[in-house]
Amino acid sequence: MFGTASQTCIHGSWKRIIFDKFEFLHPTSRGAVCRQTEERSKADQLESGRRLGERITDTAFWRNELASELDEIIKESDLLQDSKRAVEKALADIEAPLHIAQENLYQREQREGTV
């Protein structure tokens, strides 16, 4: 993936800048600088991969948490709909007796007014 140390220094502009900067060094020192640069690059890639893995894990966790919460909200909403229907039915069921009671009161007031 990375090639040899000399290939790493020759390919890629930023590596070439490092190579040119240390041109005054002994050839073995240049190789050491290139190896250090390559090692640092590999370490940085590993760290980036680790952090990306953590991000993926966190994202999956929160997606599952949200899915669970959504399921609970849907269940609660269904229960509320059932309760609403029960209350509406109870209201409809007392509508007729309420009308009768109101009519009886009206009739009683009418009779008391004539007496």
N, C-alpha and C. Protein backbone atom coordinates (compact mmCIF):
# COMPACT_ATOMS: atom_id res chain seq x y z
N MET A 1 0.83 -1.19 0.00
CA MET A 1 0.00 0.00 0.00
C MET A 1 0.87 1.25 0.00
N PHE A 2 1.89 1.28 0.84
CA PHE A 2 2.72 2.47 0.94
C PHE A 2 3.99 2.36 0.10
N GLY A 3 4.40 1.17 -0.28
CA GLY A 3 5.63 0.99 -1.05
C GLY A 3 6.84 1.08 -0.15
N THR A 4 8.00 1.12 -0.75
CA THR A 4 9.23 1.23 0.03
C THR A 4 9.41 2.66 0.49
N ALA A 5 10.40 2.84 1.39
CA ALA A 5 10.64 4.18 1.92
C ALA A 5 11.05 5.15 0.81
N SER A 6 11.87 4.70 -0.13
CA SER A 6 12.29 5.61 -1.20
C SER A 6 11.13 5.95 -2.13
N GLN A 7 10.23 4.97 -2.39
CA GLN A 7 9.06 5.26 -3.21
C GLN A 7 8.12 6.24 -2.50
N THR A 8 8.02 6.08 -1.19
CA THR A 8 7.16 6.96 -0.42
C THR A 8 7.64 8.39 -0.51
N CYS A 9 8.97 8.59 -0.45
CA CYS A 9 9.53 9.95 -0.52
C CYS A 9 9.37 10.55 -1.91
N ILE A 10 9.52 9.73 -2.95
CA ILE A 10 9.48 10.25 -4.32
C ILE A 10 8.06 10.55 -4.74
N HIS A 11 7.11 9.67 -4.41
CA HIS A 11 5.71 9.86 -4.79
C HIS A 11 5.02 10.75 -3.77
N GLY A 12 4.28 11.68 -4.23
CA GLY A 12 3.52 12.56 -3.35
C GLY A 12 4.29 13.85 -3.07
N SER A 13 3.64 14.94 -3.31
CA SER A 13 4.31 16.24 -3.21
C SER A 13 4.74 16.58 -1.79
N TRP A 14 3.92 16.28 -0.79
CA TRP A 14 4.30 16.64 0.58
C TRP A 14 5.48 15.83 1.05
N LYS A 15 5.57 14.61 0.59
CA LYS A 15 6.74 13.79 0.96
C LYS A 15 7.98 14.31 0.24
N ARG A 16 7.81 14.83 -0.93
CA ARG A 16 8.94 15.39 -1.69
C ARG A 16 9.49 16.62 -0.98
N ILE A 17 8.60 17.42 -0.41
CA ILE A 17 9.03 18.61 0.33
C ILE A 17 9.88 18.20 1.52
N ILE A 18 9.45 17.17 2.25
CA ILE A 18 10.24 16.67 3.38
C ILE A 18 11.59 16.17 2.90
N PHE A 19 11.58 15.45 1.80
CA PHE A 19 12.82 14.90 1.25
C PHE A 19 13.78 16.03 0.88
N ASP A 20 13.25 17.07 0.21
CA ASP A 20 14.09 18.20 -0.17
C ASP A 20 14.61 18.94 1.06
N LYS A 21 13.83 19.03 2.09
CA LYS A 21 14.22 19.75 3.29
C LYS A 21 15.42 19.09 3.97
N PHE A 22 15.45 17.77 3.91
CA PHE A 22 16.52 17.03 4.56
C PHE A 22 17.56 16.51 3.58
N GLU A 23 17.68 17.17 2.45
CA GLU A 23 18.61 16.75 1.41
C GLU A 23 20.06 16.82 1.90
N PHE A 24 20.35 17.72 2.81
CA PHE A 24 21.71 17.89 3.30
C PHE A 24 22.13 16.74 4.19
N LEU A 25 21.17 15.92 4.67
CA LEU A 25 21.49 14.82 5.56
C LEU A 25 22.15 13.67 4.80
N HIS A 26 22.77 12.84 5.53
CA HIS A 26 23.40 11.63 4.99
C HIS A 26 22.31 10.74 4.41
N PRO A 27 22.58 10.01 3.33
CA PRO A 27 21.55 9.17 2.70
C PRO A 27 20.84 8.24 3.69
N THR A 28 21.54 7.69 4.65
CA THR A 28 20.86 6.81 5.62
C THR A 28 19.95 7.61 6.53
N SER A 29 20.32 8.87 6.82
CA SER A 29 19.46 9.73 7.64
C SER A 29 18.18 10.07 6.88
N ARG A 30 18.32 10.30 5.57
CA ARG A 30 17.14 10.57 4.76
C ARG A 30 16.18 9.39 4.80
N GLY A 31 16.73 8.20 4.73
CA GLY A 31 15.89 6.99 4.80
C GLY A 31 15.19 6.90 6.14
N ALA A 32 15.89 7.29 7.20
CA ALA A 32 15.29 7.26 8.54
C ALA A 32 14.14 8.26 8.63
N VAL A 33 14.35 9.44 8.04
CA VAL A 33 13.29 10.45 8.04
C VAL A 33 12.08 9.93 7.27
N CYS A 34 12.34 9.30 6.16
CA CYS A 34 11.23 8.76 5.36
C CYS A 34 10.51 7.66 6.12
N ARG A 35 11.25 6.79 6.80
CA ARG A 35 10.62 5.73 7.59
C ARG A 35 9.79 6.33 8.72
N GLN A 36 10.34 7.35 9.38
CA GLN A 36 9.59 8.00 10.45
C GLN A 36 8.30 8.62 9.93
N THR A 37 8.41 9.26 8.77
CA THR A 37 7.24 9.87 8.16
C THR A 37 6.21 8.80 7.82
N GLU A 38 6.68 7.71 7.25
CA GLU A 38 5.77 6.62 6.89
C GLU A 38 5.14 6.01 8.13
N GLU A 39 5.91 5.81 9.17
CA GLU A 39 5.37 5.24 10.41
C GLU A 39 4.33 6.18 11.03
N ARG A 40 4.64 7.46 11.00
CA ARG A 40 3.68 8.43 11.53
C ARG A 40 2.38 8.43 10.72
N SER A 41 2.52 8.31 9.42
CA SER A 41 1.33 8.26 8.54
C SER A 41 0.49 7.04 8.86
N LYS A 42 1.15 5.90 9.03
CA LYS A 42 0.42 4.66 9.36
C LYS A 42 -0.27 4.80 10.72
N ALA A 43 0.45 5.37 11.69
CA ALA A 43 -0.14 5.55 13.02
C ALA A 43 -1.36 6.49 12.95
N ASP A 44 -1.23 7.55 12.17
CA ASP A 44 -2.35 8.48 12.02
C ASP A 44 -3.54 7.80 11.35
N GLN A 45 -3.27 6.97 10.35
CA GLN A 45 -4.36 6.25 9.69
C GLN A 45 -5.04 5.28 10.64
N LEU A 46 -4.26 4.59 11.46
CA LEU A 46 -4.84 3.66 12.43
C LEU A 46 -5.72 4.43 13.43
N GLU A 47 -5.23 5.56 13.90
CA GLU A 47 -6.00 6.37 14.84
C GLU A 47 -7.29 6.87 14.19
N SER A 48 -7.19 7.33 12.96
CA SER A 48 -8.38 7.79 12.24
C SER A 48 -9.38 6.65 12.07
N GLY A 49 -8.88 5.48 11.73
CA GLY A 49 -9.76 4.31 11.58
C GLY A 49 -10.44 3.94 12.89
N ARG A 50 -9.69 4.03 13.99
CA ARG A 50 -10.26 3.73 15.30
C ARG A 50 -11.36 4.72 15.65
N ARG A 51 -11.09 6.01 15.43
CA ARG A 51 -12.10 7.03 15.74
C ARG A 51 -13.33 6.87 14.85
N LEU A 52 -13.10 6.53 13.58
CA LEU A 52 -14.23 6.32 12.68
C LEU A 52 -15.07 5.13 13.14
N GLY A 53 -14.39 4.07 13.59
CA GLY A 53 -15.11 2.91 14.13
C GLY A 53 -15.95 3.28 15.34
N GLU A 54 -15.40 4.12 16.22
CA GLU A 54 -16.16 4.58 17.38
C GLU A 54 -17.38 5.38 16.94
N ARG A 55 -17.19 6.23 15.95
CA ARG A 55 -18.30 7.04 15.44
C ARG A 55 -19.40 6.16 14.88
N ILE A 56 -19.01 5.13 14.13
CA ILE A 56 -19.99 4.20 13.56
C ILE A 56 -20.75 3.49 14.67
N THR A 57 -20.02 3.04 15.69
CA THR A 57 -20.65 2.36 16.82
C THR A 57 -21.61 3.29 17.54
N ASP A 58 -21.19 4.53 17.79
CA ASP A 58 -22.06 5.50 18.45
C ASP A 58 -23.31 5.78 17.63
N THR A 59 -23.13 5.93 16.33
CA THR A 59 -24.26 6.21 15.45
C THR A 59 -25.25 5.05 15.46
N ALA A 60 -24.74 3.82 15.41
CA ALA A 60 -25.62 2.65 15.45
C ALA A 60 -26.37 2.59 16.78
N PHE A 61 -25.66 2.88 17.88
CA PHE A 61 -26.30 2.86 19.20
C PHE A 61 -27.45 3.85 19.25
N TRP A 62 -27.21 5.09 18.84
CA TRP A 62 -28.26 6.11 18.92
C TRP A 62 -29.39 5.84 17.94
N ARG A 63 -29.08 5.24 16.79
CA ARG A 63 -30.15 4.87 15.86
C ARG A 63 -31.06 3.84 16.52
N ASN A 64 -30.47 2.86 17.21
CA ASN A 64 -31.27 1.84 17.90
C ASN A 64 -32.08 2.46 19.05
N GLU A 65 -31.46 3.40 19.77
CA GLU A 65 -32.17 4.09 20.85
C GLU A 65 -33.38 4.84 20.30
N LEU A 66 -33.18 5.55 19.21
CA LEU A 66 -34.29 6.29 18.60
C LEU A 66 -35.39 5.35 18.11
N ALA A 67 -35.00 4.23 17.54
CA ALA A 67 -35.99 3.25 17.08
C ALA A 67 -36.81 2.73 18.26
N SER A 68 -36.15 2.46 19.38
CA SER A 68 -36.86 1.98 20.57
C SER A 68 -37.83 3.05 21.09
N GLU A 69 -37.35 4.27 21.16
CA GLU A 69 -38.22 5.36 21.62
C GLU A 69 -39.41 5.55 20.69
N LEU A 70 -39.16 5.46 19.38
CA LEU A 70 -40.25 5.59 18.42
C LEU A 70 -41.29 4.50 18.62
N ASP A 71 -40.84 3.26 18.85
CA ASP A 71 -41.78 2.16 19.10
C ASP A 71 -42.63 2.45 20.35
N GLU A 72 -41.97 2.94 21.40
CA GLU A 72 -42.72 3.25 22.63
C GLU A 72 -43.73 4.37 22.40
N ILE A 73 -43.33 5.37 21.64
CA ILE A 73 -44.24 6.49 21.34
C ILE A 73 -45.43 6.00 20.52
N ILE A 74 -45.18 5.11 19.57
CA ILE A 74 -46.27 4.57 18.74
C ILE A 74 -47.24 3.77 19.61
N LYS A 75 -46.70 2.95 20.52
CA LYS A 75 -47.56 2.18 21.42
C LYS A 75 -48.41 3.10 22.30
N GLU A 76 -47.76 4.12 22.85
CA GLU A 76 -48.48 5.07 23.70
C GLU A 76 -49.55 5.82 22.91
N SER A 77 -49.23 6.19 21.69
CA SER A 77 -50.19 6.87 20.84
C SER A 77 -51.39 5.97 20.55
N ASP A 78 -51.14 4.69 20.30
CA ASP A 78 -52.24 3.75 20.07
C ASP A 78 -53.14 3.64 21.31
N LEU A 79 -52.50 3.59 22.50
CA LEU A 79 -53.29 3.53 23.73
C LEU A 79 -54.13 4.80 23.91
N LEU A 80 -53.53 5.94 23.59
CA LEU A 80 -54.28 7.20 23.69
C LEU A 80 -55.45 7.24 22.71
N GLN A 81 -55.25 6.72 21.51
CA GLN A 81 -56.34 6.66 20.53
C GLN A 81 -57.47 5.77 21.05
N ASP A 82 -57.09 4.63 21.66
CA ASP A 82 -58.11 3.74 22.22
C ASP A 82 -58.88 4.44 23.34
N SER A 83 -58.15 5.17 24.20
CA SER A 83 -58.81 5.91 25.29
C SER A 83 -59.73 6.99 24.73
N LYS A 84 -59.29 7.66 23.70
CA LYS A 84 -60.11 8.71 23.09
C LYS A 84 -61.41 8.11 22.54
N ARG A 85 -61.30 6.97 21.86
CA ARG A 85 -62.50 6.33 21.32
C ARG A 85 -63.45 5.93 22.45
N ALA A 86 -62.88 5.42 23.57
CA ALA A 86 -63.73 5.01 24.70
C ALA A 86 -64.44 6.22 25.30
N VAL A 87 -63.74 7.34 25.44
CA VAL A 87 -64.36 8.55 25.99
C VAL A 87 -65.42 9.08 25.03
N GLU A 88 -65.15 9.08 23.74
CA GLU A 88 -66.15 9.54 22.77
C GLU A 88 -67.39 8.66 22.79
N LYS A 89 -67.22 7.35 22.95
CA LYS A 89 -68.36 6.44 23.03
C LYS A 89 -69.16 6.71 24.29
N ALA A 90 -68.45 6.91 25.42
CA ALA A 90 -69.14 7.20 26.68
C ALA A 90 -69.93 8.51 26.57
N LEU A 91 -69.35 9.50 25.91
CA LEU A 91 -70.05 10.77 25.69
C LEU A 91 -71.29 10.56 24.85
N ALA A 92 -71.16 9.78 23.79
CA ALA A 92 -72.32 9.51 22.93
C ALA A 92 -73.39 8.72 23.69
N ASP A 93 -72.94 7.80 24.58
CA ASP A 93 -73.89 6.98 25.34
C ASP A 93 -74.69 7.81 26.35
N ILE A 94 -74.12 8.87 26.88
CA ILE A 94 -74.85 9.67 27.87
C ILE A 94 -75.62 10.82 27.23
N GLU A 95 -75.48 10.98 25.93
CA GLU A 95 -76.16 12.08 25.24
C GLU A 95 -77.69 11.95 25.36
N ALA A 96 -78.21 10.75 25.11
CA ALA A 96 -79.67 10.56 25.17
C ALA A 96 -80.20 10.75 26.60
N PRO A 97 -79.59 10.10 27.63
CA PRO A 97 -80.10 10.33 28.99
C PRO A 97 -80.00 11.80 29.41
N LEU A 98 -78.94 12.49 28.98
CA LEU A 98 -78.80 13.91 29.30
C LEU A 98 -79.94 14.72 28.68
N HIS A 99 -80.26 14.41 27.44
CA HIS A 99 -81.35 15.12 26.76
C HIS A 99 -82.68 14.90 27.48
N ILE A 100 -82.92 13.66 27.90
CA ILE A 100 -84.16 13.34 28.63
C ILE A 100 -84.21 14.10 29.94
N ALA A 101 -83.11 14.12 30.69
CA ALA A 101 -83.07 14.83 31.98
C ALA A 101 -83.31 16.33 31.78
N GLN A 102 -82.70 16.90 30.74
CA GLN A 102 -82.91 18.32 30.46
C GLN A 102 -84.36 18.61 30.10
N GLU A 103 -84.96 17.72 29.31
CA GLU A 103 -86.37 17.90 28.92
C GLU A 103 -87.28 17.81 30.15
N ASN A 104 -86.98 16.85 31.05
CA ASN A 104 -87.78 16.73 32.28
C ASN A 104 -87.67 17.98 33.13
N LEU A 105 -86.48 18.53 33.27
CA LEU A 105 -86.31 19.77 34.04
C LEU A 105 -87.09 20.92 33.41
N TYR A 106 -87.04 21.00 32.12
CA TYR A 106 -87.76 22.06 31.42
C TYR A 106 -89.26 21.93 31.67
N GLN A 107 -89.74 20.70 31.54
CA GLN A 107 -91.18 20.47 31.76
C GLN A 107 -91.58 20.78 33.20
N ARG A 108 -90.72 20.41 34.17
CA ARG A 108 -91.00 20.70 35.57
C ARG A 108 -91.06 22.21 35.80
N GLU A 109 -90.12 22.95 35.20
CA GLU A 109 -90.13 24.41 35.36
C GLU A 109 -91.41 25.01 34.76
N GLN A 110 -91.84 24.45 33.66
CA GLN A 110 -93.06 24.93 33.02
C GLN A 110 -94.27 24.72 33.95
N ARG A 111 -94.33 23.54 34.59
CA ARG A 111 -95.46 23.23 35.49
C ARG A 111 -95.42 24.11 36.73
N GLU A 112 -94.26 24.34 37.26
CA GLU A 112 -94.16 25.15 38.47
C GLU A 112 -94.49 26.62 38.17
N GLY A 113 -94.24 27.04 36.97
CA GLY A 113 -94.55 28.41 36.59
C GLY A 113 -96.05 28.64 36.45
N THR A 114 -96.83 27.61 36.18
CA THR A 114 -98.28 27.75 35.99
C THR A 114 -99.02 27.58 37.29
N VAL A 115 -98.40 27.08 38.29
CA VAL A 115 -99.09 26.82 39.54
C VAL A 115 -99.24 28.04 40.38
